[in-house]
Amino acid sequence: MSEMIDELIEYVTDEYVEEDDDDVEVTATTPLITGGLVDSFSMVSLKRFIEQKWSVTIPDAEATAEAFDTIESIVALIRKHQ
């Protein structure tokens, strides 16, 4: 599971953290949605990345801000659909 967390942290950091935001560190518990790092448009691309990377289908009804708010909650969602 640690590898999955690391890959998600790397993706979120590369895609959503601005290069000049040196003070932003993404961890497994960083609030992504409620912290303003990932918005609703970005959440769609994150969902697409997850579905392609781990060959899962996440129903739109389960792709909520709460489910996508931390790396830990995203991992739980992926595990649920594997």
Protein backbone atom coordinates (compact mmCIF):
# COMPACT_ATOMS: atom_id res chain seq x y z
CA MET A 1 0.00 0.00 0.00
CA SER A 2 2.93 2.32 0.64
CA GLU A 3 3.85 2.18 -3.05
CA MET A 4 0.33 3.27 -3.98
CA ILE A 5 0.52 6.16 -1.51
CA ASP A 6 3.90 7.21 -2.90
CA GLU A 7 2.62 7.12 -6.49
CA LEU A 8 -0.44 9.19 -5.60
CA ILE A 9 1.66 11.73 -3.68
CA GLU A 10 4.00 12.03 -6.65
CA TYR A 11 1.10 12.49 -9.10
CA VAL A 12 -0.69 15.08 -6.95
CA THR A 13 2.54 16.98 -6.34
CA ASP A 14 3.51 16.97 -10.02
CA GLU A 15 0.05 17.92 -11.29
CA TYR A 16 -1.37 20.28 -8.67
CA VAL A 17 1.43 21.89 -6.67
CA GLU A 18 2.91 24.96 -8.32
CA GLU A 19 6.68 24.90 -8.75
CA ASP A 20 7.09 28.05 -6.66
CA ASP A 21 5.05 26.61 -3.75
CA ASP A 22 8.04 25.31 -1.81
CA ASP A 23 6.05 25.35 1.44
CA VAL A 24 3.45 22.86 0.15
CA GLU A 25 4.21 19.26 1.05
CA VAL A 26 1.75 16.55 0.07
CA THR A 27 1.49 13.67 2.53
CA ALA A 28 -0.98 10.82 2.98
CA THR A 29 -3.08 13.04 5.23
CA THR A 30 -2.82 16.41 3.47
CA PRO A 31 -6.31 17.81 2.85
CA LEU A 32 -6.46 17.99 -0.94
CA ILE A 33 -9.99 19.26 -1.55
CA THR A 34 -10.72 21.10 1.70
CA GLY A 35 -7.17 22.48 1.63
CA GLY A 36 -7.74 23.99 -1.81
CA LEU A 37 -5.01 22.01 -3.55
CA VAL A 38 -7.40 20.03 -5.78
CA ASP A 39 -10.55 21.60 -7.21
CA SER A 40 -13.53 19.88 -8.82
CA PHE A 41 -12.00 19.99 -12.32
CA SER A 42 -8.72 18.56 -11.03
CA MET A 43 -10.62 15.86 -9.17
CA VAL A 44 -11.94 14.58 -12.50
CA SER A 45 -8.42 14.23 -13.91
CA LEU A 46 -7.25 12.61 -10.67
CA LYS A 47 -10.12 10.10 -10.90
CA ARG A 48 -9.18 9.31 -14.51
CA PHE A 49 -5.53 8.80 -13.52
CA ILE A 50 -6.53 6.44 -10.70
CA GLU A 51 -8.86 4.41 -12.88
CA GLN A 52 -6.22 3.99 -15.59
CA LYS A 53 -3.29 3.37 -13.25
CA TRP A 54 -4.97 0.74 -11.08
CA SER A 55 -7.54 -0.62 -13.57
CA VAL A 56 -10.53 0.23 -11.39
CA THR A 57 -13.84 1.89 -12.04
CA ILE A 58 -14.97 4.34 -9.42
CA PRO A 59 -18.67 5.13 -9.68
CA ASP A 60 -19.36 8.85 -9.98
CA ALA A 61 -21.59 8.65 -6.90
CA GLU A 62 -18.53 7.57 -4.87
CA ALA A 63 -16.18 10.16 -6.36
CA THR A 64 -17.00 12.71 -3.67
CA ALA A 65 -14.94 15.51 -2.21
CA GLU A 66 -14.80 13.54 1.03
CA ALA A 67 -13.50 10.40 -0.73
CA PHE A 68 -10.84 12.42 -2.58
CA ASP A 69 -9.83 14.71 0.28
CA THR A 70 -6.70 12.81 1.34
CA ILE A 71 -4.37 10.28 -0.21
CA GLU A 72 -5.42 7.85 2.54
CA SER A 73 -9.10 8.16 1.63
CA ILE A 74 -8.29 7.75 -2.07
CA VAL A 75 -6.34 4.56 -1.34
CA ALA A 76 -9.30 3.20 0.64
CA LEU A 77 -11.56 3.94 -2.33
CA ILE A 78 -9.19 2.20 -4.76
CA ARG A 79 -8.91 -0.84 -2.49
CA LYS A 80 -12.70 -1.02 -2.27
CA HIS A 81 -12.96 -1.31 -6.07
CA GLN A 82 -10.05 -3.63 -6.78
